[in-house]
Amino acid sequence: MSSLPKRQIWEFWEVISDEHGIDPVGQYSGDTDMQLERINVYYNEASGGRYVPRAVLVDLEPGTMEAVRSGPVGKIFRPDNFVFGSE
């Protein structure tokens, strides 16, 4: 994957989360069974019914990953979803 600006990462996961009924902390809050049919394409179900993206975000700059973590969708990721260089 090429280098994506953090805004594009946010927008992608906001759209996917909305389509599947996943709230900003990873809990299912949808209203149809159809939203759960293919949820495993983008998410793994973690403990407590929380859904975590099946993604690894990689960047050489830790600041970019910190911006994603503190952004609107940052709480849906586990800490080990992030790989970044050191300053």
C-alpha atoms as a PDB file:
ATOM      1  CA  MET A   1       0.000   0.000   0.000  1.00  0.00           C
ATOM      2  CA  SER A   2       1.342   3.408  -0.804  1.00  0.00           C
ATOM      3  CA  SER A   3       1.658   6.169   1.720  1.00  0.00           C
ATOM      4  CA  LEU A   4      -1.836   7.399   2.555  1.00  0.00           C
ATOM      5  CA  PRO A   5      -2.511  10.676   4.309  1.00  0.00           C
ATOM      6  CA  LYS A   6      -4.051  10.150   7.735  1.00  0.00           C
ATOM      7  CA  ARG A   7      -7.288  11.793   6.593  1.00  0.00           C
ATOM      8  CA  GLN A   8      -7.773   9.083   3.948  1.00  0.00           C
ATOM      9  CA  ILE A   9      -7.187   6.390   6.569  1.00  0.00           C
ATOM     10  CA  TRP A  10      -9.829   7.992   8.815  1.00  0.00           C
ATOM     11  CA  GLU A  11     -12.309   8.323   5.968  1.00  0.00           C
ATOM     12  CA  PHE A  12     -11.834   4.729   4.804  1.00  0.00           C
ATOM     13  CA  TRP A  13     -12.412   3.255   8.276  1.00  0.00           C
ATOM     14  CA  GLU A  14     -15.292   5.652   9.007  1.00  0.00           C
ATOM     15  CA  VAL A  15     -17.115   4.457   5.859  1.00  0.00           C
ATOM     16  CA  ILE A  16     -16.407   0.756   6.502  1.00  0.00           C
ATOM     17  CA  SER A  17     -17.422   1.089  10.163  1.00  0.00           C
ATOM     18  CA  ASP A  18     -20.638   2.875   9.246  1.00  0.00           C
ATOM     19  CA  GLU A  19     -21.539   0.256   6.629  1.00  0.00           C
ATOM     20  CA  HIS A  20     -21.053  -2.549   9.165  1.00  0.00           C
ATOM     21  CA  GLY A  21     -22.601  -0.785  12.168  1.00  0.00           C
ATOM     22  CA  ILE A  22     -19.361  -0.478  14.145  1.00  0.00           C
ATOM     23  CA  ASP A  23     -19.125   2.500  16.496  1.00  0.00           C
ATOM     24  CA  PRO A  24     -15.899   4.525  17.100  1.00  0.00           C
ATOM     25  CA  VAL A  25     -14.752   2.192  19.905  1.00  0.00           C
ATOM     26  CA  GLY A  26     -15.362  -1.046  17.978  1.00  0.00           C
ATOM     27  CA  GLN A  27     -18.747  -2.116  19.357  1.00  0.00           C
ATOM     28  CA  TYR A  28     -21.463  -3.334  17.004  1.00  0.00           C
ATOM     29  CA  SER A  29     -24.348  -0.877  17.072  1.00  0.00           C
ATOM     30  CA  GLY A  30     -25.984  -1.760  13.771  1.00  0.00           C
ATOM     31  CA  ASP A  31     -29.595  -2.629  13.198  1.00  0.00           C
ATOM     32  CA  THR A  32     -29.583  -5.370  10.552  1.00  0.00           C
ATOM     33  CA  ASP A  33     -28.144  -8.879  10.329  1.00  0.00           C
ATOM     34  CA  MET A  34     -26.831  -8.002   6.874  1.00  0.00           C
ATOM     35  CA  GLN A  35     -24.217  -5.715   8.470  1.00  0.00           C
ATOM     36  CA  LEU A  36     -22.701  -8.721  10.252  1.00  0.00           C
ATOM     37  CA  GLU A  37     -22.749 -11.107   7.269  1.00  0.00           C
ATOM     38  CA  ARG A  38     -19.303 -10.237   5.922  1.00  0.00           C
ATOM     39  CA  ILE A  39     -17.891  -8.311   8.866  1.00  0.00           C
ATOM     40  CA  ASN A  40     -14.937 -10.711   9.021  1.00  0.00           C
ATOM     41  CA  VAL A  41     -13.611  -9.279   5.753  1.00  0.00           C
ATOM     42  CA  TYR A  42     -12.562  -6.093   7.552  1.00  0.00           C
ATOM     43  CA  TYR A  43     -12.738  -6.945  11.270  1.00  0.00           C
ATOM     44  CA  ASN A  44     -11.744  -9.589  13.792  1.00  0.00           C
ATOM     45  CA  GLU A  45     -14.000 -10.030  16.786  1.00  0.00           C
ATOM     46  CA  ALA A  46     -12.005  -9.457  19.973  1.00  0.00           C
ATOM     47  CA  SER A  47     -12.968 -10.053  23.589  1.00  0.00           C
ATOM     48  CA  GLY A  48     -16.109  -8.388  24.848  1.00  0.00           C
ATOM     49  CA  GLY A  49     -17.706  -8.350  21.399  1.00  0.00           C
ATOM     50  CA  ARG A  50     -15.389  -5.579  20.234  1.00  0.00           C
ATOM     51  CA  TYR A  51     -14.487  -5.495  16.538  1.00  0.00           C
ATOM     52  CA  VAL A  52     -10.907  -4.641  15.560  1.00  0.00           C
ATOM     53  CA  PRO A  53      -9.783  -3.830  12.008  1.00  0.00           C
ATOM     54  CA  ARG A  54      -7.876  -6.511  10.149  1.00  0.00           C
ATOM     55  CA  ALA A  55      -5.183  -4.039   9.192  1.00  0.00           C
ATOM     56  CA  VAL A  56      -1.604  -3.129   9.899  1.00  0.00           C
ATOM     57  CA  LEU A  57      -0.758   0.542   9.535  1.00  0.00           C
ATOM     58  CA  VAL A  58       2.903   1.155   8.701  1.00  0.00           C
ATOM     59  CA  ASP A  59       4.817   4.420   8.487  1.00  0.00           C
ATOM     60  CA  LEU A  60       8.389   5.487   9.098  1.00  0.00           C
ATOM     61  CA  GLU A  61       7.241   8.544  11.023  1.00  0.00           C
ATOM     62  CA  PRO A  62       5.715   7.861  14.450  1.00  0.00           C
ATOM     63  CA  GLY A  63       3.859  11.184  14.296  1.00  0.00           C
ATOM     64  CA  THR A  64       1.608   9.989  11.489  1.00  0.00           C
ATOM     65  CA  MET A  65       0.593   6.863  13.374  1.00  0.00           C
ATOM     66  CA  GLU A  66       0.049   8.878  16.553  1.00  0.00           C
ATOM     67  CA  ALA A  67      -2.254  11.208  14.597  1.00  0.00           C
ATOM     68  CA  VAL A  68      -4.297   8.220  13.395  1.00  0.00           C
ATOM     69  CA  ARG A  69      -4.420   6.762  16.923  1.00  0.00           C
ATOM     70  CA  SER A  70      -5.682  10.024  18.376  1.00  0.00           C
ATOM     71  CA  GLY A  71      -8.069  10.707  15.477  1.00  0.00           C
ATOM     72  CA  PRO A  72     -11.765   9.867  15.024  1.00  0.00           C
ATOM     73  CA  VAL A  73     -11.241   6.139  14.372  1.00  0.00           C
ATOM     74  CA  GLY A  74      -8.111   5.565  16.436  1.00  0.00           C
ATOM     75  CA  LYS A  75      -9.868   3.698  19.233  1.00  0.00           C
ATOM     76  CA  ILE A  76     -10.978   0.846  16.990  1.00  0.00           C
ATOM     77  CA  PHE A  77      -7.361  -0.269  16.499  1.00  0.00           C
ATOM     78  CA  ARG A  78      -5.247  -2.372  18.840  1.00  0.00           C
ATOM     79  CA  PRO A  79      -1.787  -1.006  19.658  1.00  0.00           C
ATOM     80  CA  ASP A  80      -0.174  -3.822  17.676  1.00  0.00           C
ATOM     81  CA  ASN A  81      -1.981  -2.635  14.515  1.00  0.00           C
ATOM     82  CA  PHE A  82       0.620   0.151  14.308  1.00  0.00           C
ATOM     83  CA  VAL A  83       4.186  -0.273  13.066  1.00  0.00           C
ATOM     84  CA  PHE A  84       6.365   2.812  12.851  1.00  0.00           C
ATOM     85  CA  GLY A  85       9.948   4.011  12.988  1.00  0.00           C
ATOM     86  CA  SER A  86      11.532   5.780  15.905  1.00  0.00           C
ATOM     87  CA  GLU A  87      12.507   9.419  16.043  1.00  0.00           C
END
